[in-house]
Amino acid sequence: MILVENKQYIEDLTFEKAEFFLEAISYGGELYDKFDSKFVFRGHSTTSYKLLPSAQRIQPWDRMTIHKESAKRDIAIAITELAQINYEYSQLFHFFKKSDENSLYVPDVREMREFINLPNGFPTYLLDEKNWLPERYYELAALAQHHGIKTRLLDWTKNINVALYFASSEAILRKYNLEKKTSAQWQSQYFTDFQKIAHESAGKQFKKEFDVKEAKYIELWALDKSIEFIYDDMPLKFISPRNCDNRNLGAQNGILSLWETKIPIVTDDKGKLTNNWTKNTADNRTLDELLTDFLLSHNEVPRKILYHITIPQSEALHLYNFAERNGYDASTLFPGYDGVVRAMSEKDAIKNH
């Protein structure tokens, strides 16, 4: 989903047929020369998704890992950037601690190891940092991200076929799982409050559990990562962790983006704690918004840096088959038994698509 109105740096393309899109990215097609090695890609099963990292999609009070109940009463605390940073740090710290306790490999972060046996609390040593995430957390955050921990990182791939696989397979699985759920619930005559709302007429025909208009298209994003090096103060960073520590990332030609945020200054010249941090609200703009605002503020010449491509969900099977025949499915992109089982589940969904 594009949230910016000013599209000087974004191109919005729609292909009504899978074959038109596949022709466009093939040799000689309109996108073949554009999408060179500078570009990274991301796929979504519907256009309802935003270019927003998982850690920034949660409710403000859920960011608070300390005094959560008081945060609900005092929204001024819950909505701050410091609360957001504290939440993200806590997620990484507990992933680090629990993995280490169970003899699992984690990239070593010195201060986390030093504080591993201390009670939970805000890591005051972070206040000496200028930006979040600090570079020494990159490898840990990347590993945590690929095991389900909410972080400030956003997943991309250097291979457009991988993005195509994720967008198409998730669209197929979503439709399949929804139809299974709908069928079972219809037979049992059991309806949740949400599903009651979804009924449209006396015939009580189920609608999709997500917005019908938004669900009509899958989307692909293509981003020119060379923009990172044009400005010294560019907050956008791309992280390429070691593949040997993360097999999924390696198999998916993965790369992660980070939009750095300034850590609020909470002390005065004498080192005394102030309340200034409560005035610093968490910045939850999407990447297309952040990038556009930054480039406009630097008077960057109009040019296309971010591409937003939509294709009807009815074409998902054609796109999935193309990716699979080129060697991209769950068994290859998620090396191991879980990937094999996921690939089998996809086959079941495709039989009923």
Protein backbone atom coordinates (compact mmCIF):
# COMPACT_ATOMS: atom_id res chain seq x y z
CA MET A 1 0.00 0.00 0.00
CA ILE A 2 1.36 3.40 -0.99
CA LEU A 3 0.68 6.05 1.62
CA VAL A 4 2.38 9.07 0.02
CA GLU A 5 0.58 11.44 -2.32
CA ASN A 6 3.75 12.92 -3.79
CA LYS A 7 5.11 10.25 -6.14
CA GLN A 8 8.20 12.00 -7.47
CA TYR A 9 10.30 9.04 -6.34
CA ILE A 10 7.75 6.22 -6.65
CA GLU A 11 6.34 4.53 -9.73
CA ASP A 12 3.04 2.68 -9.41
CA LEU A 13 2.53 -0.10 -11.99
CA THR A 14 -0.36 -2.51 -12.46
CA PHE A 15 -0.27 -5.65 -14.60
CA GLU A 16 -3.68 -7.26 -15.10
CA LYS A 17 -2.20 -10.56 -16.29
CA ALA A 18 0.69 -12.60 -14.89
CA GLU A 19 2.07 -13.07 -18.40
CA PHE A 20 2.33 -9.29 -18.89
CA PHE A 21 4.35 -8.90 -15.71
CA LEU A 22 6.61 -11.89 -16.44
CA GLU A 23 7.25 -10.52 -19.92
CA ALA A 24 8.14 -7.13 -18.43
CA ILE A 25 10.85 -8.59 -16.15
CA SER A 26 12.24 -10.92 -18.82
CA TYR A 27 15.10 -10.05 -21.17
CA GLY A 28 14.03 -7.16 -23.38
CA GLY A 29 11.01 -6.31 -21.20
CA GLU A 30 10.25 -2.82 -19.88
CA LEU A 31 11.51 -3.63 -16.37
CA TYR A 32 14.46 -5.86 -17.24
CA ASP A 33 17.05 -3.08 -17.51
CA LYS A 34 15.52 -1.05 -14.69
CA PHE A 35 15.73 -3.82 -12.13
CA ASP A 36 19.48 -4.30 -12.16
CA SER A 37 21.75 -5.42 -9.30
CA LYS A 38 21.08 -2.19 -7.39
CA PHE A 39 17.50 -3.24 -6.68
CA VAL A 40 16.04 -5.30 -3.84
CA PHE A 41 12.51 -6.70 -3.75
CA ARG A 42 9.70 -7.48 -1.34
CA GLY A 43 6.39 -9.29 -1.94
CA HIS A 44 3.01 -8.99 -0.14
CA SER A 45 -0.03 -11.22 -0.58
CA THR A 46 -2.38 -8.21 -0.46
CA THR A 47 -2.08 -4.46 -0.88
CA SER A 48 -3.36 -3.94 2.67
CA TYR A 49 0.19 -4.37 3.99
CA LYS A 50 2.41 -1.38 4.64
CA LEU A 51 6.18 -0.98 4.35
CA LEU A 52 6.47 -1.02 8.12
CA PRO A 53 8.69 -3.28 10.27
CA SER A 54 6.91 -5.71 12.59
CA ALA A 55 8.05 -3.96 15.80
CA GLN A 56 6.33 -0.77 14.68
CA ARG A 57 2.97 -2.40 13.99
CA ILE A 58 2.07 -2.99 17.64
CA GLN A 59 -0.16 -0.89 19.89
CA PRO A 60 1.62 1.83 21.92
CA TRP A 61 0.95 0.29 25.33
CA ASP A 62 2.26 -3.06 24.13
CA ARG A 63 5.64 -1.42 23.63
CA MET A 64 5.99 -1.00 27.38
CA THR A 65 7.91 -3.84 28.97
CA ILE A 66 8.06 -2.05 32.32
CA HIS A 67 5.02 -0.70 34.17
CA LYS A 68 2.72 -1.75 31.36
CA GLU A 69 -0.46 -1.03 33.32
CA SER A 70 0.63 2.49 34.15
CA ALA A 71 1.47 2.99 30.48
CA LYS A 72 -2.14 2.25 29.57
CA ARG A 73 -3.16 4.99 31.97
CA ASP A 74 -0.49 7.37 30.75
CA ILE A 75 -0.53 7.23 26.98
CA ALA A 76 2.06 10.02 26.93
CA ILE A 77 4.65 7.46 28.03
CA ALA A 78 3.47 4.62 25.80
CA ILE A 79 3.62 6.59 22.56
CA THR A 80 7.21 7.81 22.98
CA GLU A 81 10.18 6.83 20.87
CA LEU A 82 11.96 5.73 24.03
CA ALA A 83 9.14 3.28 24.81
CA GLN A 84 9.45 1.91 21.28
CA ILE A 85 13.22 1.50 21.61
CA ASN A 86 12.85 -0.09 25.04
CA TYR A 87 10.39 -2.62 23.63
CA GLU A 88 12.67 -3.56 20.75
CA TYR A 89 15.70 -3.84 23.01
CA SER A 90 13.76 -6.06 25.43
CA GLN A 91 12.76 -8.41 22.60
CA LEU A 92 16.37 -8.73 21.45
CA PHE A 93 17.72 -9.12 24.98
CA HIS A 94 15.32 -11.92 25.88
CA PHE A 95 16.01 -13.69 22.58
CA PHE A 96 19.73 -13.41 23.33
CA LYS A 97 19.32 -14.62 26.92
CA LYS A 98 17.00 -17.56 26.25
CA SER A 99 19.01 -18.74 23.26
CA ASP A 100 22.21 -18.61 25.29
CA GLU A 101 20.61 -20.46 28.22
CA ASN A 102 19.61 -23.25 25.84
CA SER A 103 23.08 -23.49 24.26
CA LEU A 104 21.93 -22.00 20.96
CA TYR A 105 24.23 -19.82 18.93
CA VAL A 106 23.62 -16.07 19.06
CA PRO A 107 25.91 -13.29 17.84
CA ASP A 108 27.65 -11.97 20.92
CA VAL A 109 26.76 -8.50 22.21
CA ARG A 110 29.11 -7.58 25.02
CA GLU A 111 26.79 -5.47 27.18
CA MET A 112 23.95 -7.97 26.90
CA ARG A 113 26.22 -10.67 28.22
CA GLU A 114 27.37 -8.44 31.06
CA PHE A 115 23.77 -7.74 32.09
CA ILE A 116 22.39 -11.20 31.35
CA ASN A 117 21.80 -12.08 35.03
CA LEU A 118 20.47 -8.71 36.16
CA PRO A 119 16.76 -7.84 36.62
CA ASN A 120 14.93 -6.35 33.67
CA GLY A 121 15.20 -2.63 33.22
CA PHE A 122 15.87 0.02 30.64
CA PRO A 123 19.47 -0.31 29.37
CA THR A 124 20.83 3.10 30.36
CA TYR A 125 24.01 2.48 28.38
CA LEU A 126 21.92 2.91 25.22
CA LEU A 127 21.50 6.57 26.12
CA ASP A 128 25.13 7.08 25.08
CA GLU A 129 24.23 5.94 21.55
CA LYS A 130 23.14 8.39 18.85
CA ASN A 131 21.03 6.02 16.76
CA TRP A 132 18.90 2.92 17.11
CA LEU A 133 19.79 0.18 16.14
CA PRO A 134 23.50 0.32 17.03
CA GLU A 135 25.61 -1.45 14.40
CA ARG A 136 26.80 -4.09 16.87
CA TYR A 137 23.16 -5.32 17.16
CA TYR A 138 22.69 -5.92 13.44
CA GLU A 139 23.59 -9.62 13.35
CA LEU A 140 21.54 -10.42 16.47
CA ALA A 141 18.50 -8.51 15.19
CA ALA A 142 18.70 -10.24 11.79
CA LEU A 143 18.78 -13.69 13.39
CA ALA A 144 15.93 -12.82 15.77
CA GLN A 145 13.86 -11.41 12.91
CA HIS A 146 14.05 -14.65 10.96
CA HIS A 147 12.80 -16.60 13.96
CA GLY A 148 9.74 -14.46 14.56
CA ILE A 149 10.96 -11.72 16.90
CA LYS A 150 9.53 -8.28 16.13
CA THR A 151 12.32 -5.91 15.16
CA ARG A 152 12.84 -2.62 13.33
CA LEU A 153 14.26 -4.47 10.32
CA LEU A 154 12.38 -5.00 7.07
CA ASP A 155 13.02 -8.11 4.94
CA TRP A 156 14.01 -7.76 1.28
CA THR A 157 15.55 -10.09 -1.27
CA LYS A 158 18.03 -9.48 -4.08
CA ASN A 159 16.08 -11.93 -6.26
CA ILE A 160 12.73 -10.85 -7.67
CA ASN A 161 11.66 -14.51 -8.01
CA VAL A 162 11.86 -14.91 -4.24
CA ALA A 163 9.60 -11.89 -3.71
CA LEU A 164 7.24 -13.31 -6.33
CA TYR A 165 7.13 -16.64 -4.49
CA PHE A 166 6.26 -15.04 -1.14
CA ALA A 167 3.53 -12.82 -2.57
CA SER A 168 1.86 -15.57 -4.61
CA SER A 169 2.20 -18.47 -2.14
CA GLU A 170 0.86 -16.45 0.77
CA ALA A 171 -2.11 -15.31 -1.32
CA ILE A 172 -2.89 -18.92 -2.25
CA LEU A 173 -2.50 -20.19 1.33
CA ARG A 174 -4.59 -17.34 2.73
CA LYS A 175 -7.46 -18.14 0.35
CA TYR A 176 -7.16 -21.88 1.04
CA ASN A 177 -7.09 -21.50 4.84
CA LEU A 178 -9.98 -19.05 4.76
CA GLU A 179 -12.10 -21.40 2.69
CA LYS A 180 -11.35 -24.30 5.07
CA LYS A 181 -12.22 -22.13 8.05
CA THR A 182 -15.38 -20.83 6.40
CA SER A 183 -16.57 -24.31 5.45
CA ALA A 184 -16.05 -25.74 8.94
CA GLN A 185 -17.73 -22.82 10.65
CA TRP A 186 -20.69 -22.86 8.26
CA GLN A 187 -21.29 -26.54 8.95
CA SER A 188 -21.13 -26.08 12.71
CA GLN A 189 -23.34 -22.97 12.58
CA TYR A 190 -20.79 -21.22 14.77
CA PHE A 191 -19.99 -17.60 14.03
CA THR A 192 -17.76 -15.19 15.86
CA ASP A 193 -18.83 -11.58 16.27
CA PHE A 194 -16.41 -10.59 13.52
CA GLN A 195 -17.91 -13.06 11.09
CA LYS A 196 -21.43 -11.90 11.90
CA ILE A 197 -20.39 -8.44 10.85
CA ALA A 198 -19.01 -9.92 7.63
CA HIS A 199 -22.42 -11.29 6.62
CA GLU A 200 -23.90 -9.23 3.89
CA SER A 201 -27.41 -10.53 3.28
CA ALA A 202 -30.13 -12.90 4.44
CA GLY A 203 -28.32 -15.64 2.54
CA LYS A 204 -25.40 -15.15 4.98
CA GLN A 205 -22.73 -15.66 2.36
CA PHE A 206 -19.28 -15.25 3.85
CA LYS A 207 -17.08 -12.41 2.71
CA LYS A 208 -13.31 -12.55 2.97
CA GLU A 209 -12.01 -11.75 6.42
CA PHE A 210 -9.93 -8.94 4.97
CA ASP A 211 -11.12 -5.96 3.00
CA VAL A 212 -12.37 -7.11 -0.41
CA LYS A 213 -11.04 -4.09 -2.27
CA GLU A 214 -7.58 -4.40 -0.74
CA ALA A 215 -7.53 -8.16 -1.31
CA LYS A 216 -7.93 -7.98 -5.07
CA TYR A 217 -4.22 -7.51 -5.73
CA ILE A 218 -0.90 -8.83 -4.58
CA GLU A 219 1.98 -6.38 -4.59
CA LEU A 220 5.71 -6.30 -5.20
CA TRP A 221 8.07 -3.55 -4.10
CA ALA A 222 11.39 -2.80 -5.80
CA LEU A 223 13.82 -0.41 -4.11
CA ASP A 224 17.06 1.06 -5.46
CA LYS A 225 19.40 0.38 -2.55
CA SER A 226 22.13 2.63 -3.95
CA ILE A 227 20.18 5.57 -2.48
CA GLU A 228 21.81 4.64 0.84
CA PHE A 229 25.15 6.10 -0.26
CA ILE A 230 24.04 9.39 -1.84
CA TYR A 231 23.71 11.36 1.41
CA ASP A 232 25.95 11.21 4.47
CA ASP A 233 22.97 11.69 6.75
CA MET A 234 20.76 9.09 5.04
CA PRO A 235 18.98 7.09 7.82
CA LEU A 236 18.29 4.17 5.47
CA LYS A 237 20.81 1.36 5.96
CA PHE A 238 20.99 -2.06 4.33
CA ILE A 239 22.23 -4.99 6.38
CA SER A 240 23.69 -8.17 4.90
CA PRO A 241 24.26 -10.59 7.82
CA ARG A 242 26.49 -13.64 7.52
CA ASN A 243 24.58 -16.37 5.68
CA CYS A 244 26.38 -19.10 7.62
CA ASP A 245 24.51 -17.98 10.76
CA ASN A 246 21.10 -17.85 9.08
CA ARG A 247 20.38 -20.48 6.43
CA ASN A 248 16.96 -19.07 5.56
CA LEU A 249 18.43 -15.67 4.83
CA GLY A 250 21.07 -17.18 2.58
CA ALA A 251 18.60 -19.35 0.67
CA GLN A 252 16.33 -16.37 0.11
CA ASN A 253 19.12 -14.03 -1.07
CA GLY A 254 17.99 -11.96 1.86
CA ILE A 255 18.97 -8.45 2.84
CA LEU A 256 17.40 -6.24 5.52
CA SER A 257 16.69 -2.55 5.63
CA LEU A 258 16.84 -0.31 8.68
CA TRP A 259 15.63 3.25 9.01
CA GLU A 260 17.70 4.60 11.88
CA THR A 261 16.03 6.74 14.49
CA LYS A 262 17.70 9.18 16.86
CA ILE A 263 17.75 8.06 20.48
CA PRO A 264 16.10 10.86 22.48
CA ILE A 265 18.34 12.94 24.72
CA VAL A 266 16.98 12.47 28.25
CA THR A 267 19.65 14.19 30.35
CA ASP A 268 20.69 17.81 30.68
CA ASP A 269 24.22 19.25 30.47
CA LYS A 270 24.88 18.09 34.02
CA GLY A 271 23.77 14.55 33.34
CA LYS A 272 20.51 14.96 35.25
CA LEU A 273 17.46 13.07 33.97
CA THR A 274 14.81 15.31 32.38
CA ASN A 275 11.30 14.75 31.03
CA ASN A 276 12.17 15.89 27.51
CA TRP A 277 11.88 12.34 26.22
CA THR A 278 8.11 12.37 26.83
CA LYS A 279 7.79 14.98 24.07
CA ASN A 280 9.42 12.67 21.52
CA THR A 281 6.63 10.63 19.92
CA ALA A 282 7.52 7.37 18.18
CA ASP A 283 7.86 7.80 14.42
CA ASN A 284 5.77 5.11 12.77
CA ARG A 285 5.75 6.41 9.22
CA THR A 286 6.14 3.77 6.52
CA LEU A 287 9.31 3.44 4.46
CA ASP A 288 7.73 5.06 1.39
CA GLU A 289 6.74 8.04 3.55
CA LEU A 290 10.12 8.31 5.28
CA LEU A 291 12.07 8.04 2.07
CA THR A 292 9.91 10.56 0.22
CA ASP A 293 10.04 13.10 3.05
CA PHE A 294 13.82 12.75 3.34
CA LEU A 295 14.45 13.19 -0.40
CA LEU A 296 12.11 16.17 -0.61
CA SER A 297 13.89 17.82 2.32
CA HIS A 298 17.21 17.39 0.45
CA ASN A 299 15.78 18.66 -2.85
CA GLU A 300 16.61 15.42 -4.62
CA VAL A 301 15.74 15.59 -8.32
CA PRO A 302 12.56 13.69 -9.24
CA ARG A 303 13.43 10.13 -10.27
CA LYS A 304 12.09 6.66 -9.58
CA ILE A 305 13.74 4.98 -6.62
CA LEU A 306 10.85 2.86 -5.38
CA TYR A 307 8.53 0.81 -7.60
CA HIS A 308 5.14 -0.47 -6.47
CA ILE A 309 3.75 -3.26 -8.65
CA THR A 310 0.26 -4.75 -8.31
CA ILE A 311 -1.10 -7.90 -9.95
CA PRO A 312 -4.60 -9.40 -9.46
CA GLN A 313 -4.77 -12.14 -6.86
CA SER A 314 -6.56 -14.25 -9.45
CA GLU A 315 -3.15 -14.52 -11.15
CA ALA A 316 -1.41 -15.83 -8.01
CA LEU A 317 -1.34 -19.46 -9.17
CA HIS A 318 0.33 -18.55 -12.48
CA LEU A 319 2.96 -16.53 -10.61
CA TYR A 320 3.53 -19.31 -8.08
CA ASN A 321 3.97 -21.91 -10.82
CA PHE A 322 6.50 -19.69 -12.56
CA ALA A 323 8.54 -19.29 -9.35
CA GLU A 324 8.37 -23.00 -8.49
CA ARG A 325 9.46 -24.11 -11.95
CA ASN A 326 12.45 -21.85 -11.60
CA GLY A 327 13.40 -23.57 -8.33
CA TYR A 328 11.79 -21.25 -5.78
CA ASP A 329 9.46 -22.91 -3.30
CA ALA A 330 9.32 -23.46 0.46
CA SER A 331 11.66 -26.47 0.40
CA THR A 332 14.45 -24.43 -1.19
CA LEU A 333 13.82 -21.10 0.57
CA PHE A 334 13.42 -22.62 4.05
CA PRO A 335 16.18 -25.27 4.14
CA GLY A 336 15.25 -28.15 6.43
CA TYR A 337 12.26 -30.26 7.39
CA ASP A 338 10.00 -27.29 8.11
CA GLY A 339 10.51 -26.07 4.55
CA VAL A 340 9.59 -29.48 3.13
CA VAL A 341 6.39 -29.58 5.20
CA ARG A 342 5.52 -26.03 4.15
CA ALA A 343 6.00 -27.00 0.49
CA MET A 344 3.65 -29.96 1.00
CA SER A 345 1.03 -27.64 2.52
CA GLU A 346 1.33 -25.36 -0.47
CA LYS A 347 0.69 -28.29 -2.80
CA ASP A 348 -2.51 -29.12 -0.89
CA ALA A 349 -3.64 -25.53 -1.22
CA ILE A 350 -2.88 -25.47 -4.95
CA LYS A 351 -4.97 -28.60 -5.57
CA ASN A 352 -7.97 -26.71 -4.23
CA HIS A 353 -7.14 -23.30 -5.69
